[in-house]
Amino acid sequence: MVNLLPLLRNAAGLRRVVTMLAGTKEGVVHTDDLQMRQSSLLSLAGRGHLVSMTTLALKAVARTAPTVSFVHTFPGAVRTNLGSDVEGLSGAVFRSIFRILFFVVGPFVVTPFDEAGERHVFFATSARFREGGVPLPKDMAVARGTHGSGVYSIDNHAESAPPRVEQLFAKLREDGTAKKVWSDVEEQFVRVTGSMSI
């Protein structure tokens, strides 16, 4: 994404990046374990940490590209082939548990593929996330970003992050965590590629 910023900044039309992970599910950032070597993605704490790191990275990039909107989405439960390639007993157990879960609760919580795709086309093209894009219906308001940052954290119902998330980011900004996270991301870019851009 960092390498595409010059093209995005100079685009004649809509300037937007849509990232799909778990927008609105942000949580506490563990500054002593930014790389998540001691955390698990299977835990809510691990998920919250990773999601916050993602949104914080988007906010850092957005500061250098004020004309670009960044939308971090949570698609909800979409039945995919996630985990289908996990081998052995643990893979079989994982697949069995998810088959049962999708059979029992799937009809109530699963977002169909087509709808998930339509939502993300909307996120990428509508005027809901800054000016430009496809005009909104009269009953739909522009989404709330965090203090005009150009970053929008959106849930599986296309709603903006609740006040809890906005308060969390205010705290992360005030206590220096946001800067620490981006500094770590930059260090990892350099460690892996030898420079800040590829």
Foldseek 3Di string as FASTA:
>chain_A
DLVCLVVLLPDPAAREAEAEDAFLLADDADLVCLVQPVHDCVDSRVVNNVLVLVLLLVLVSLVVRVRYAYEYEYQWAEDDCVLVPDDDPVSVVVVVVVVVCCVPCVVPTYDYPVRSVVVVVCVRFECLQPHHGDDDDPVDHRADDQPSSSYFGAYNVRHTHDVVVSVVVVVCVVVVVSVSSNVVVQVVCCVVPVHSYD
